[in-house]
C-alpha atoms as a PDB file:
ATOM      1  CA  MET A   1     109.234 124.674  76.279  1.00  0.00           C
ATOM      2  CA  SER A   2     108.108 121.597  78.253  1.00  0.00           C
ATOM      3  CA  ILE A   3     108.932 121.062  81.893  1.00  0.00           C
ATOM      4  CA  SER A   4     110.489 117.759  82.800  1.00  0.00           C
ATOM      5  CA  PRO A   5     108.456 115.860  85.466  1.00  0.00           C
ATOM      6  CA  LEU A   6     109.817 115.537  88.975  1.00  0.00           C
ATOM      7  CA  PRO A   7     111.510 112.248  89.956  1.00  0.00           C
ATOM      8  CA  PRO A   8     109.237 110.101  91.972  1.00  0.00           C
ATOM      9  CA  VAL A   9     109.099 109.707  95.756  1.00  0.00           C
ATOM     10  CA  VAL A  10     109.608 105.945  96.491  1.00  0.00           C
ATOM     11  CA  HIS A  11     107.807 104.316  99.225  1.00  0.00           C
ATOM     12  CA  LEU A  12     109.721 101.233 100.290  1.00  0.00           C
ATOM     13  CA  LEU A  13     108.039  98.159 102.066  1.00  0.00           C
ATOM     14  CA  PRO A  14     109.461  94.693 102.669  1.00  0.00           C
ATOM     15  CA  ARG A  15     106.787  92.695 100.774  1.00  0.00           C
ATOM     16  CA  ASP A  16     103.034  92.577  99.874  1.00  0.00           C
ATOM     17  CA  VAL A  17     101.205  91.130 102.772  1.00  0.00           C
ATOM     18  CA  ALA A  18      97.915  91.597 104.403  1.00  0.00           C
ATOM     19  CA  ARG A  19      98.702  94.000 107.148  1.00  0.00           C
ATOM     20  CA  GLY A  20      97.306  97.378 108.138  1.00  0.00           C
ATOM     21  CA  SER A  21     100.592  99.160 107.559  1.00  0.00           C
ATOM     22  CA  GLN A  22     100.456  97.895 103.767  1.00  0.00           C
ATOM     23  CA  VAL A  23      96.802  99.087 103.495  1.00  0.00           C
ATOM     24  CA  TYR A  24      97.848 102.567 104.870  1.00  0.00           C
ATOM     25  CA  ALA A  25     100.856 102.784 102.671  1.00  0.00           C
ATOM     26  CA  ARG A  26      99.071 102.063  99.433  1.00  0.00           C
ATOM     27  CA  ALA A  27      96.251 104.471 100.289  1.00  0.00           C
ATOM     28  CA  VAL A  28      98.553 107.286 101.091  1.00  0.00           C
ATOM     29  CA  CYS A  29     100.559 106.708  98.078  1.00  0.00           C
ATOM     30  CA  ASP A  30      97.585 106.843  95.884  1.00  0.00           C
ATOM     31  CA  LEU A  31      96.389 110.032  97.385  1.00  0.00           C
ATOM     32  CA  LEU A  32      99.826 111.582  97.069  1.00  0.00           C
ATOM     33  CA  ASP A  33     100.523 110.422  93.491  1.00  0.00           C
ATOM     34  CA  ARG A  34      99.768 112.844  90.769  1.00  0.00           C
ATOM     35  CA  ALA A  35     101.406 113.901  87.415  1.00  0.00           C
ATOM     36  CA  ASP A  36     103.546 116.749  89.035  1.00  0.00           C
ATOM     37  CA  ASP A  37     104.384 114.835  92.202  1.00  0.00           C
ATOM     38  CA  PRO A  38     104.753 111.116  91.411  1.00  0.00           C
ATOM     39  CA  HIS A  39     104.879 108.480  94.029  1.00  0.00           C
ATOM     40  CA  LEU A  40     105.810 104.787  93.666  1.00  0.00           C
ATOM     41  CA  VAL A  41     105.453 101.808  95.999  1.00  0.00           C
ATOM     42  CA  VAL A  42     108.381  99.204  95.830  1.00  0.00           C
ATOM     43  CA  THR A  43     108.797  96.115  97.595  1.00  0.00           C
ATOM     44  CA  LEU A  44     112.013  94.349  98.508  1.00  0.00           C
ATOM     45  CA  PHE A  45     110.929  90.795  98.544  1.00  0.00           C
ATOM     46  CA  GLY A  46     108.814  88.914  95.870  1.00  0.00           C
ATOM     47  CA  GLY A  47     105.713  86.808  96.634  1.00  0.00           C
ATOM     48  CA  PRO A  48     102.139  86.343  95.469  1.00  0.00           C
ATOM     49  CA  PRO A  49      99.942  89.449  95.131  1.00  0.00           C
ATOM     50  CA  VAL A  50      97.798  90.098  98.169  1.00  0.00           C
ATOM     51  CA  LEU A  51      96.617  93.778  98.493  1.00  0.00           C
ATOM     52  CA  LEU A  52      99.584  96.157  98.261  1.00  0.00           C
ATOM     53  CA  ARG A  53      99.748  96.454  94.398  1.00  0.00           C
ATOM     54  CA  PRO A  54     103.368  97.463  94.452  1.00  0.00           C
ATOM     55  CA  ASP A  55     104.459  99.472  91.311  1.00  0.00           C
ATOM     56  CA  HIS A  56     107.660  97.656  91.384  1.00  0.00           C
ATOM     57  CA  SER A  57     109.288  94.660  93.306  1.00  0.00           C
ATOM     58  CA  LEU A  58     112.966  93.823  93.539  1.00  0.00           C
ATOM     59  CA  GLY A  59     111.741  90.224  93.709  1.00  0.00           C
ATOM     60  CA  VAL A  60     114.130  88.760  96.112  1.00  0.00           C
ATOM     61  CA  ALA A  61     112.750  85.428  97.388  1.00  0.00           C
ATOM     62  CA  PRO A  62     112.187  85.532 101.167  1.00  0.00           C
ATOM     63  CA  GLY A  63     113.881  82.748 103.057  1.00  0.00           C
ATOM     64  CA  ARG A  64     116.674  81.761 105.474  1.00  0.00           C
ATOM     65  CA  LEU A  65     118.787  84.963 104.831  1.00  0.00           C
ATOM     66  CA  ARG A  66     115.830  87.298 105.516  1.00  0.00           C
ATOM     67  CA  ALA A  67     115.190  85.481 108.769  1.00  0.00           C
ATOM     68  CA  LEU A  68     118.713  85.993 109.889  1.00  0.00           C
ATOM     69  CA  GLY A  69     118.220  89.754 109.666  1.00  0.00           C
ATOM     70  CA  LEU A  70     120.045  90.957 106.472  1.00  0.00           C
ATOM     71  CA  ASP A  71     119.828  89.625 103.032  1.00  0.00           C
ATOM     72  CA  PRO A  72     122.673  90.689 100.872  1.00  0.00           C
ATOM     73  CA  ARG A  73     120.688  90.149  97.661  1.00  0.00           C
ATOM     74  CA  VAL A  74     118.440  92.898  98.795  1.00  0.00           C
ATOM     75  CA  LEU A  75     121.414  95.186  99.445  1.00  0.00           C
ATOM     76  CA  PHE A  76     122.707  94.562  96.032  1.00  0.00           C
ATOM     77  CA  ARG A  77     119.463  95.004  94.058  1.00  0.00           C
ATOM     78  CA  LEU A  78     118.215  97.973  96.006  1.00  0.00           C
ATOM     79  CA  ARG A  79     121.622  99.805  95.452  1.00  0.00           C
ATOM     80  CA  SER A  80     121.559  98.933  91.768  1.00  0.00           C
ATOM     81  CA  TRP A  81     117.864  99.941  91.390  1.00  0.00           C
ATOM     82  CA  LEU A  82     118.395 103.322  93.129  1.00  0.00           C
ATOM     83  CA  ARG A  83     121.563 104.134  91.186  1.00  0.00           C
ATOM     84  CA  HIS A  84     120.006 103.600  87.795  1.00  0.00           C
ATOM     85  CA  ARG A  85     116.988 105.890  88.178  1.00  0.00           C
ATOM     86  CA  PRO A  86     116.397 109.377  89.730  1.00  0.00           C
ATOM     87  CA  VAL A  87     114.528 109.432  92.940  1.00  0.00           C
ATOM     88  CA  ARG A  88     113.513 112.476  94.750  1.00  0.00           C
ATOM     89  CA  ALA A  89     113.217 110.812  98.179  1.00  0.00           C
ATOM     90  CA  LEU A  90     112.881 107.482  99.737  1.00  0.00           C
ATOM     91  CA  VAL A  91     110.143 106.702 102.317  1.00  0.00           C
ATOM     92  CA  ALA A  92     110.992 103.492 104.331  1.00  0.00           C
ATOM     93  CA  HIS A  93     107.738 102.087 105.947  1.00  0.00           C
ATOM     94  CA  GLY A  94     108.932 100.178 108.885  1.00  0.00           C
ATOM     95  CA  GLY A  95     112.353  99.058 110.471  1.00  0.00           C
ATOM     96  CA  GLU A  96     113.105  96.376 107.901  1.00  0.00           C
ATOM     97  CA  ALA A  97     112.710  98.524 104.965  1.00  0.00           C
ATOM     98  CA  TYR A  98     114.532 101.426 106.588  1.00  0.00           C
ATOM     99  CA  LYS A  99     117.541  98.964 107.454  1.00  0.00           C
ATOM    100  CA  TYR A 100     118.196  98.301 103.887  1.00  0.00           C
ATOM    101  CA  ALA A 101     117.606 101.876 102.740  1.00  0.00           C
ATOM    102  CA  ALA A 102     119.949 103.357 105.322  1.00  0.00           C
ATOM    103  CA  LEU A 103     122.828 100.901 104.231  1.00  0.00           C
ATOM    104  CA  VAL A 104     122.767 101.405 100.484  1.00  0.00           C
ATOM    105  CA  ALA A 105     120.867 104.664  99.371  1.00  0.00           C
ATOM    106  CA  PRO A 106     123.161 107.031  97.744  1.00  0.00           C
ATOM    107  CA  ARG A 107     124.495 109.990  99.809  1.00  0.00           C
ATOM    108  CA  GLY A 108     122.320 113.098  99.183  1.00  0.00           C
ATOM    109  CA  LEU A 109     119.195 111.006  98.704  1.00  0.00           C
ATOM    110  CA  PRO A 110     116.938 111.968 101.589  1.00  0.00           C
ATOM    111  CA  ILE A 111     115.406 109.122 103.525  1.00  0.00           C
ATOM    112  CA  VAL A 112     112.337 109.360 105.673  1.00  0.00           C
ATOM    113  CA  TYR A 113     111.810 106.665 108.117  1.00  0.00           C
ATOM    114  CA  TYR A 114     108.382 105.980 109.069  1.00  0.00           C
ATOM    115  CA  ARG A 115     108.520 104.122 112.529  1.00  0.00           C
ATOM    116  CA  ILE A 116     105.346 102.114 112.943  1.00  0.00           C
ATOM    117  CA  GLY A 117     106.057 100.220 116.050  1.00  0.00           C
ATOM    118  CA  ALA A 118     107.986 100.179 119.303  1.00  0.00           C
ATOM    119  CA  VAL A 119     111.487  98.447 119.302  1.00  0.00           C
ATOM    120  CA  LEU A 120     111.843  94.799 120.551  1.00  0.00           C
ATOM    121  CA  PRO A 121     113.498  94.333 123.869  1.00  0.00           C
ATOM    122  CA  GLY A 122     116.865  93.384 122.279  1.00  0.00           C
ATOM    123  CA  ALA A 123     117.104  96.716 120.719  1.00  0.00           C
ATOM    124  CA  ARG A 124     116.824  98.473 123.985  1.00  0.00           C
ATOM    125  CA  ARG A 125     120.277  97.130 125.131  1.00  0.00           C
ATOM    126  CA  PRO A 126     123.747  97.450 123.694  1.00  0.00           C
ATOM    127  CA  PRO A 127     124.930  96.503 121.076  1.00  0.00           C
ATOM    128  CA  GLY A 128     121.361  96.481 119.568  1.00  0.00           C
ATOM    129  CA  ARG A 129     120.604  99.945 120.728  1.00  0.00           C
ATOM    130  CA  TRP A 130     123.902 101.358 119.180  1.00  0.00           C
ATOM    131  CA  TRP A 131     123.170  99.731 115.925  1.00  0.00           C
ATOM    132  CA  HIS A 132     119.729 101.308 115.661  1.00  0.00           C
ATOM    133  CA  ALA A 133     121.051 104.550 116.861  1.00  0.00           C
ATOM    134  CA  GLY A 134     123.747 104.644 114.093  1.00  0.00           C
ATOM    135  CA  LEU A 135     121.146 103.725 111.449  1.00  0.00           C
ATOM    136  CA  LEU A 136     118.726 106.396 112.552  1.00  0.00           C
ATOM    137  CA  HIS A 137     121.292 109.141 111.903  1.00  0.00           C
ATOM    138  CA  ARG A 138     121.028 108.441 108.128  1.00  0.00           C
ATOM    139  CA  ALA A 139     117.352 109.505 108.117  1.00  0.00           C
ATOM    140  CA  ALA A 140     116.616 113.176 107.099  1.00  0.00           C
ATOM    141  CA  VAL A 141     113.401 112.830 109.329  1.00  0.00           C
ATOM    142  CA  VAL A 142     112.073 109.985 111.520  1.00  0.00           C
ATOM    143  CA  VAL A 143     108.287 110.164 111.261  1.00  0.00           C
ATOM    144  CA  CYS A 144     106.564 108.482 114.108  1.00  0.00           C
ATOM    145  CA  VAL A 145     103.250 106.821 113.976  1.00  0.00           C
ATOM    146  CA  SER A 146     102.295 107.975 117.532  1.00  0.00           C
ATOM    147  CA  GLU A 147     103.444 110.143 120.296  1.00  0.00           C
ATOM    148  CA  ASP A 148     104.690 107.185 122.359  1.00  0.00           C
ATOM    149  CA  VAL A 149     106.866 106.110 119.431  1.00  0.00           C
ATOM    150  CA  ARG A 150     108.292 109.729 119.060  1.00  0.00           C
ATOM    151  CA  ILE A 151     109.232 109.779 122.691  1.00  0.00           C
ATOM    152  CA  GLU A 152     110.947 106.408 122.552  1.00  0.00           C
ATOM    153  CA  THR A 153     112.959 107.524 119.400  1.00  0.00           C
ATOM    154  CA  ARG A 154     114.186 110.575 121.235  1.00  0.00           C
ATOM    155  CA  ASP A 155     114.857 109.170 124.556  1.00  0.00           C
ATOM    156  CA  LEU A 156     116.299 105.689 123.617  1.00  0.00           C
ATOM    157  CA  PHE A 157     118.235 106.510 120.326  1.00  0.00           C
ATOM    158  CA  GLY A 158     118.999 110.206 120.887  1.00  0.00           C
ATOM    159  CA  VAL A 159     117.286 111.593 117.675  1.00  0.00           C
ATOM    160  CA  PRO A 160     116.722 115.155 118.220  1.00  0.00           C
ATOM    161  CA  ASP A 161     113.213 116.833 118.135  1.00  0.00           C
ATOM    162  CA  ALA A 162     114.271 118.703 114.949  1.00  0.00           C
ATOM    163  CA  ARG A 163     114.410 115.485 113.023  1.00  0.00           C
ATOM    164  CA  LEU A 164     111.292 113.905 114.486  1.00  0.00           C
ATOM    165  CA  ALA A 165     107.629 114.223 113.364  1.00  0.00           C
ATOM    166  CA  VAL A 166     104.378 112.485 114.272  1.00  0.00           C
ATOM    167  CA  ILE A 167     101.907 111.393 111.426  1.00  0.00           C
ATOM    168  CA  ALA A 168      99.326 108.962 112.658  1.00  0.00           C
ATOM    169  CA  ASN A 169      97.776 106.233 110.665  1.00  0.00           C
ATOM    170  CA  GLY A 170      94.612 107.436 108.677  1.00  0.00           C
ATOM    171  CA  ARG A 171      91.682 105.774 107.343  1.00  0.00           C
ATOM    172  CA  ASP A 172      88.828 106.750 105.082  1.00  0.00           C
ATOM    173  CA  PRO A 173      85.775 107.579 107.143  1.00  0.00           C
ATOM    174  CA  ALA A 174      83.453 106.634 104.253  1.00  0.00           C
ATOM    175  CA  THR A 175      85.014 103.167 104.054  1.00  0.00           C
ATOM    176  CA  TYR A 176      84.505 102.247 107.831  1.00  0.00           C
ATOM    177  CA  ALA A 177      80.950 103.802 108.081  1.00  0.00           C
ATOM    178  CA  PRO A 178      79.059 102.467 110.953  1.00  0.00           C
ATOM    179  CA  GLY A 179      76.531  99.694 110.306  1.00  0.00           C
ATOM    180  CA  PRO A 180      72.875  99.756 111.388  1.00  0.00           C
ATOM    181  CA  THR A 181      72.369  99.750 115.186  1.00  0.00           C
ATOM    182  CA  GLN A 182      72.733  96.183 116.396  1.00  0.00           C
ATOM    183  CA  MET A 183      69.810  94.603 118.124  1.00  0.00           C
ATOM    184  CA  ARG A 184      71.166  91.137 118.614  1.00  0.00           C
ATOM    185  CA  SER A 185      70.615  89.280 121.943  1.00  0.00           C
ATOM    186  CA  ILE A 186      74.162  87.847 121.749  1.00  0.00           C
ATOM    187  CA  VAL A 187      76.947  90.300 122.067  1.00  0.00           C
ATOM    188  CA  SER A 188      79.772  89.866 119.388  1.00  0.00           C
ATOM    189  CA  ILE A 189      83.269  90.529 120.701  1.00  0.00           C
ATOM    190  CA  GLY A 190      85.907  90.424 118.086  1.00  0.00           C
ATOM    191  CA  PHE A 191      89.775  90.283 117.393  1.00  0.00           C
ATOM    192  CA  VAL A 192      91.086  91.539 114.016  1.00  0.00           C
ATOM    193  CA  GLY A 193      94.779  91.363 113.185  1.00  0.00           C
ATOM    194  CA  GLU A 194      97.853  89.357 112.890  1.00  0.00           C
ATOM    195  CA  LEU A 195      97.704  86.071 114.889  1.00  0.00           C
ATOM    196  CA  ALA A 196     101.100  86.487 116.542  1.00  0.00           C
ATOM    197  CA  PRO A 197     102.516  86.521 120.043  1.00  0.00           C
ATOM    198  CA  THR A 198     102.812  90.247 120.363  1.00  0.00           C
ATOM    199  CA  LYS A 199      99.118  90.509 119.457  1.00  0.00           C
ATOM    200  CA  ARG A 200      97.911  87.982 122.016  1.00  0.00           C
ATOM    201  CA  PRO A 201      94.919  86.772 120.105  1.00  0.00           C
ATOM    202  CA  GLU A 202      94.433  84.074 122.663  1.00  0.00           C
ATOM    203  CA  TRP A 203      93.039  86.605 125.027  1.00  0.00           C
ATOM    204  CA  LEU A 204      89.880  86.598 122.889  1.00  0.00           C
ATOM    205  CA  LEU A 205      89.367  82.874 123.575  1.00  0.00           C
ATOM    206  CA  SER A 206      89.980  83.300 127.342  1.00  0.00           C
ATOM    207  CA  ALA A 207      87.767  86.251 127.649  1.00  0.00           C
ATOM    208  CA  VAL A 208      84.792  84.847 125.710  1.00  0.00           C
ATOM    209  CA  SER A 209      85.089  81.418 127.537  1.00  0.00           C
ATOM    210  CA  ALA A 210      85.055  83.193 130.919  1.00  0.00           C
ATOM    211  CA  LEU A 211      82.017  85.401 130.125  1.00  0.00           C
ATOM    212  CA  ARG A 212      80.035  82.540 128.789  1.00  0.00           C
ATOM    213  CA  ALA A 213      80.807  80.456 131.791  1.00  0.00           C
ATOM    214  CA  GLU A 214      79.241  83.307 133.837  1.00  0.00           C
ATOM    215  CA  GLY A 215      76.146  82.918 131.628  1.00  0.00           C
ATOM    216  CA  ILE A 216      76.652  86.210 129.678  1.00  0.00           C
ATOM    217  CA  ALA A 217      75.444  85.870 126.201  1.00  0.00           C
ATOM    218  CA  VAL A 218      78.552  86.600 124.127  1.00  0.00           C
ATOM    219  CA  GLU A 219      80.228  85.161 121.083  1.00  0.00           C
ATOM    220  CA  GLY A 220      83.723  85.682 119.801  1.00  0.00           C
ATOM    221  CA  LEU A 221      84.901  86.463 116.270  1.00  0.00           C
ATOM    222  CA  LEU A 222      88.559  85.789 115.389  1.00  0.00           C
ATOM    223  CA  VAL A 223      89.805  87.279 112.073  1.00  0.00           C
ATOM    224  CA  GLY A 224      93.347  87.160 110.803  1.00  0.00           C
ATOM    225  CA  ASP A 225      96.227  84.866 110.000  1.00  0.00           C
ATOM    226  CA  GLY A 226      99.614  84.359 111.231  1.00  0.00           C
ATOM    227  CA  PRO A 227     101.882  81.907 113.280  1.00  0.00           C
ATOM    228  CA  LEU A 228      99.273  81.088 115.903  1.00  0.00           C
ATOM    229  CA  ALA A 229      96.447  80.442 113.345  1.00  0.00           C
ATOM    230  CA  ALA A 230      96.524  76.665 113.518  1.00  0.00           C
ATOM    231  CA  SER A 231      96.597  76.394 117.263  1.00  0.00           C
ATOM    232  CA  LEU A 232      93.901  78.960 117.714  1.00  0.00           C
ATOM    233  CA  ALA A 233      91.657  77.569 115.053  1.00  0.00           C
ATOM    234  CA  SER A 234      91.559  74.202 116.815  1.00  0.00           C
ATOM    235  CA  ARG A 235      90.575  75.754 120.028  1.00  0.00           C
ATOM    236  CA  ALA A 236      88.310  78.421 118.977  1.00  0.00           C
ATOM    237  CA  ALA A 237      84.877  76.563 118.736  1.00  0.00           C
ATOM    238  CA  ALA A 238      85.192  75.035 122.321  1.00  0.00           C
ATOM    239  CA  ALA A 239      85.579  78.733 123.653  1.00  0.00           C
ATOM    240  CA  GLY A 240      82.623  79.957 121.719  1.00  0.00           C
ATOM    241  CA  VAL A 241      84.699  81.825 119.028  1.00  0.00           C
ATOM    242  CA  ARG A 242      84.197  81.621 115.379  1.00  0.00           C
ATOM    243  CA  TYR A 243      87.449  81.651 113.381  1.00  0.00           C
ATOM    244  CA  LEU A 244      87.128  83.266 109.976  1.00  0.00           C
ATOM    245  CA  GLY A 245      90.815  83.328 108.942  1.00  0.00           C
ATOM    246  CA  ARG A 246      92.020  86.179 106.831  1.00  0.00           C
ATOM    247  CA  SER A 247      89.423  88.675 105.550  1.00  0.00           C
ATOM    248  CA  ASP A 248      89.567  91.061 102.594  1.00  0.00           C
ATOM    249  CA  ASP A 249      86.495  92.839 104.022  1.00  0.00           C
ATOM    250  CA  ILE A 250      87.509  94.298 107.363  1.00  0.00           C
ATOM    251  CA  PRO A 251      84.711  97.006 107.088  1.00  0.00           C
ATOM    252  CA  GLY A 252      82.240  94.279 106.690  1.00  0.00           C
ATOM    253  CA  VAL A 253      83.622  92.404 109.692  1.00  0.00           C
ATOM    254  CA  LEU A 254      83.476  95.473 111.926  1.00  0.00           C
ATOM    255  CA  LYS A 255      79.819  96.000 111.240  1.00  0.00           C
ATOM    256  CA  ASP A 256      79.137  92.528 112.723  1.00  0.00           C
ATOM    257  CA  LEU A 257      80.787  93.399 116.007  1.00  0.00           C
ATOM    258  CA  ASP A 258      79.586  95.064 119.233  1.00  0.00           C
ATOM    259  CA  VAL A 259      83.081  95.399 120.906  1.00  0.00           C
ATOM    260  CA  LEU A 260      86.690  95.041 119.431  1.00  0.00           C
ATOM    261  CA  LEU A 261      89.281  93.585 121.709  1.00  0.00           C
ATOM    262  CA  LEU A 262      92.900  94.754 121.318  1.00  0.00           C
ATOM    263  CA  PRO A 263      95.158  92.855 123.762  1.00  0.00           C
ATOM    264  CA  SER A 264      98.585  93.823 122.333  1.00  0.00           C
ATOM    265  CA  THR A 265     101.804  93.914 124.120  1.00  0.00           C
ATOM    266  CA  ARG A 266     104.310  96.909 124.308  1.00  0.00           C
ATOM    267  CA  GLN A 267     105.665  96.330 120.679  1.00  0.00           C
ATOM    268  CA  GLU A 268     102.846  98.113 118.986  1.00  0.00           C
ATOM    269  CA  GLY A 269     103.162 101.660 117.652  1.00  0.00           C
ATOM    270  CA  MET A 270      99.527 102.603 116.738  1.00  0.00           C
ATOM    271  CA  PRO A 271      97.257  99.779 115.877  1.00  0.00           C
ATOM    272  CA  GLY A 272      95.464 100.935 112.798  1.00  0.00           C
ATOM    273  CA  VAL A 273      92.579  98.392 113.596  1.00  0.00           C
ATOM    274  CA  ILE A 274      91.353 100.519 116.578  1.00  0.00           C
ATOM    275  CA  ILE A 275      90.993 103.615 114.199  1.00  0.00           C
ATOM    276  CA  GLU A 276      88.994 101.401 111.783  1.00  0.00           C
ATOM    277  CA  ALA A 277      86.781 100.299 114.790  1.00  0.00           C
ATOM    278  CA  GLY A 278      86.312 103.772 115.879  1.00  0.00           C
ATOM    279  CA  LEU A 279      85.120 104.918 112.481  1.00  0.00           C
ATOM    280  CA  ALA A 280      82.829 101.968 112.360  1.00  0.00           C
ATOM    281  CA  GLY A 281      81.359 103.041 115.659  1.00  0.00           C
ATOM    282  CA  VAL A 282      82.719 100.078 117.620  1.00  0.00           C
ATOM    283  CA  PRO A 283      83.953 100.631 121.163  1.00  0.00           C
ATOM    284  CA  VAL A 284      87.216  99.191 121.887  1.00  0.00           C
ATOM    285  CA  VAL A 285      88.718  97.317 124.986  1.00  0.00           C
ATOM    286  CA  ALA A 286      92.379  97.733 124.611  1.00  0.00           C
ATOM    287  CA  THR A 287      95.618  97.167 126.571  1.00  0.00           C
ATOM    288  CA  ASP A 288      97.679 100.184 127.416  1.00  0.00           C
ATOM    289  CA  ALA A 289     100.165  99.576 124.381  1.00  0.00           C
ATOM    290  CA  PRO A 290     102.093 102.396 122.635  1.00  0.00           C
ATOM    291  CA  GLY A 291      99.711 104.497 120.480  1.00  0.00           C
ATOM    292  CA  VAL A 292      96.552 103.323 122.073  1.00  0.00           C
ATOM    293  CA  ARG A 293      95.842 106.500 124.058  1.00  0.00           C
ATOM    294  CA  ASP A 294      96.356 108.548 120.896  1.00  0.00           C
ATOM    295  CA  VAL A 295      93.154 106.974 119.595  1.00  0.00           C
ATOM    296  CA  VAL A 296      91.153 105.664 122.448  1.00  0.00           C
ATOM    297  CA  VAL A 297      89.765 108.195 125.057  1.00  0.00           C
ATOM    298  CA  PRO A 298      89.208 106.134 128.171  1.00  0.00           C
ATOM    299  CA  GLY A 299      85.578 106.034 129.308  1.00  0.00           C
ATOM    300  CA  GLN A 300      84.393 107.899 126.340  1.00  0.00           C
ATOM    301  CA  THR A 301      85.339 105.846 123.193  1.00  0.00           C
ATOM    302  CA  GLY A 302      86.503 102.588 124.816  1.00  0.00           C
ATOM    303  CA  LEU A 303      88.270 101.194 127.852  1.00  0.00           C
ATOM    304  CA  ILE A 304      91.883 100.663 128.484  1.00  0.00           C
ATOM    305  CA  VAL A 305      93.404  98.222 130.770  1.00  0.00           C
ATOM    306  CA  GLY A 306      97.008  97.289 131.748  1.00  0.00           C
ATOM    307  CA  VAL A 307      99.235  95.681 129.314  1.00  0.00           C
ATOM    308  CA  ASP A 308      99.284  92.332 131.116  1.00  0.00           C
ATOM    309  CA  ASP A 309      95.867  92.327 133.002  1.00  0.00           C
ATOM    310  CA  LEU A 310      93.701  89.837 131.351  1.00  0.00           C
ATOM    311  CA  ASP A 311      91.362  89.979 134.352  1.00  0.00           C
ATOM    312  CA  ALA A 312      90.901  93.655 133.801  1.00  0.00           C
ATOM    313  CA  ALA A 313      90.238  93.071 130.047  1.00  0.00           C
ATOM    314  CA  ILE A 314      87.516  90.627 130.934  1.00  0.00           C
ATOM    315  CA  ALA A 315      85.898  92.948 133.534  1.00  0.00           C
ATOM    316  CA  ALA A 316      85.883  95.690 130.775  1.00  0.00           C
ATOM    317  CA  LEU A 317      84.141  93.342 128.271  1.00  0.00           C
ATOM    318  CA  ARG A 318      81.782  92.257 130.932  1.00  0.00           C
ATOM    319  CA  ARG A 319      80.870  95.875 131.644  1.00  0.00           C
ATOM    320  CA  LEU A 320      80.233  96.621 127.856  1.00  0.00           C
ATOM    321  CA  ALA A 321      78.513  93.327 127.143  1.00  0.00           C
ATOM    322  CA  GLY A 322      75.802  94.187 129.818  1.00  0.00           C
ATOM    323  CA  ASP A 323      75.180  97.719 128.682  1.00  0.00           C
ATOM    324  CA  ARG A 324      73.895  98.263 125.277  1.00  0.00           C
ATOM    325  CA  ASP A 325      73.455 102.104 125.889  1.00  0.00           C
ATOM    326  CA  LEU A 326      77.001 102.430 126.824  1.00  0.00           C
ATOM    327  CA  ARG A 327      78.109 100.613 123.878  1.00  0.00           C
ATOM    328  CA  ALA A 328      76.088 102.772 121.645  1.00  0.00           C
ATOM    329  CA  ARG A 329      77.344 106.174 123.281  1.00  0.00           C
ATOM    330  CA  MET A 330      80.993 104.911 123.099  1.00  0.00           C
ATOM    331  CA  GLY A 331      80.604 103.866 119.458  1.00  0.00           C
ATOM    332  CA  LYS A 332      79.073 107.271 118.449  1.00  0.00           C
ATOM    333  CA  ALA A 333      81.861 109.257 120.282  1.00  0.00           C
ATOM    334  CA  ALA A 334      84.467 106.931 118.821  1.00  0.00           C
ATOM    335  CA  ARG A 335      83.238 107.651 115.247  1.00  0.00           C
ATOM    336  CA  ALA A 336      83.337 111.459 115.821  1.00  0.00           C
ATOM    337  CA  HIS A 337      86.907 111.231 117.575  1.00  0.00           C
ATOM    338  CA  CYS A 338      88.539 109.280 114.750  1.00  0.00           C
ATOM    339  CA  GLU A 339      86.682 111.182 111.993  1.00  0.00           C
ATOM    340  CA  GLN A 340      88.208 114.310 113.317  1.00  0.00           C
ATOM    341  CA  ARG A 341      91.728 113.225 114.024  1.00  0.00           C
ATOM    342  CA  PHE A 342      92.504 110.054 111.914  1.00  0.00           C
ATOM    343  CA  SER A 343      91.104 110.702 108.441  1.00  0.00           C
ATOM    344  CA  LEU A 344      93.117 109.419 105.476  1.00  0.00           C
ATOM    345  CA  SER A 345      93.000 112.807 103.773  1.00  0.00           C
ATOM    346  CA  SER A 346      94.498 114.752 106.733  1.00  0.00           C
ATOM    347  CA  SER A 347      97.307 112.102 107.180  1.00  0.00           C
ATOM    348  CA  ALA A 348      98.068 112.351 103.333  1.00  0.00           C
ATOM    349  CA  ALA A 349      98.169 116.197 103.697  1.00  0.00           C
ATOM    350  CA  ALA A 350     100.723 115.962 106.555  1.00  0.00           C
ATOM    351  CA  TRP A 351     102.913 113.779 104.367  1.00  0.00           C
ATOM    352  CA  ARG A 352     102.576 116.074 101.303  1.00  0.00           C
ATOM    353  CA  ARG A 353     103.715 119.028 103.505  1.00  0.00           C
ATOM    354  CA  LEU A 354     106.627 117.081 105.133  1.00  0.00           C
ATOM    355  CA  LEU A 355     107.975 115.682 101.962  1.00  0.00           C
ATOM    356  CA  GLY A 356     107.558 118.945 100.229  1.00  0.00           C
ATOM    357  CA  ASP A 357     109.809 120.567 102.925  1.00  0.00           C
ATOM    358  CA  ILE A 358     112.375 117.799 102.716  1.00  0.00           C
ATOM    359  CA  THR A 359     112.848 117.767  99.095  1.00  0.00           C
ATOM    360  CA  ALA A 360     112.893 121.640  98.828  1.00  0.00           C
ATOM    361  CA  ALA A 361     115.636 121.597 101.332  1.00  0.00           C
ATOM    362  CA  GLY A 362     117.530 118.905  99.428  1.00  0.00           C
ATOM    363  CA  GLY A 363     117.401 116.529 102.344  1.00  0.00           C
END
């Protein structure tokens, strides 16, 4: 007598874009997926293929309705899709995907919300806070990307500890192996990520320009795309920064860096790029954004400065630019730390245990 395969766990994401959260979701899903435990990646909005390789897309064209915050076409298509096929559990990666899942998923279907960022300021005040708190009660478990996000979810929205978990981003240590020891006379400082206001990539231009004005031999490397791309690209060369745009080879980019700058605001959850930099043996200068202290050990694997303190970031970069031995020690320590705590395999194992418990309990 043959045994019918289990219904899949569906991992829901907004769309296929070149972001660290999509890289992580696809990699985890690939590790979890097997014949007796199927996992699928589904996107809400359509668009050209980038890197996510979704197993299915609802194909809604992104536009004005999405920008307004709630697209009824997504609600209709997702509800219809879920009602016409068996699904064991729904994992919503990020707030946008979770919003739609919470509103239309059938009762009895367990939803796991993976919170990958801190909330925007508007969600901290009524009525935004009430709206978020109401939606969060639909989740069987809220999995937070960092301890900072877990505390925020508990204290701001009242989600009890029993329905909270922390599973950090993970990366494959072999993919981000350190490059050969750099003997360059010019220190390369890089920014890698979305070129958006909450990421503050303009700090790289300010820092490199300031250090070069002091006669320090540094160059900047700006990698990414986003709403600030055109403005930054036109200013980069004058500041001593090379603008590469979006790259499909982040491990290769990191091998060319001596220091990574992460100047994010408080809207982060846990920046995956600092895990990647750590595995690549690159020390980090980071602002004290949520999740950063989960990854960066101050004074050992990198340096942490105040969230709005550009002068302190420049001073930290100055210190690392002038001390090759310090960079080497921090890079080696960062590799060991991230390999031990943030491997993709350990992250996937945590997901398998959590999802097994949820589906065994029936949500």
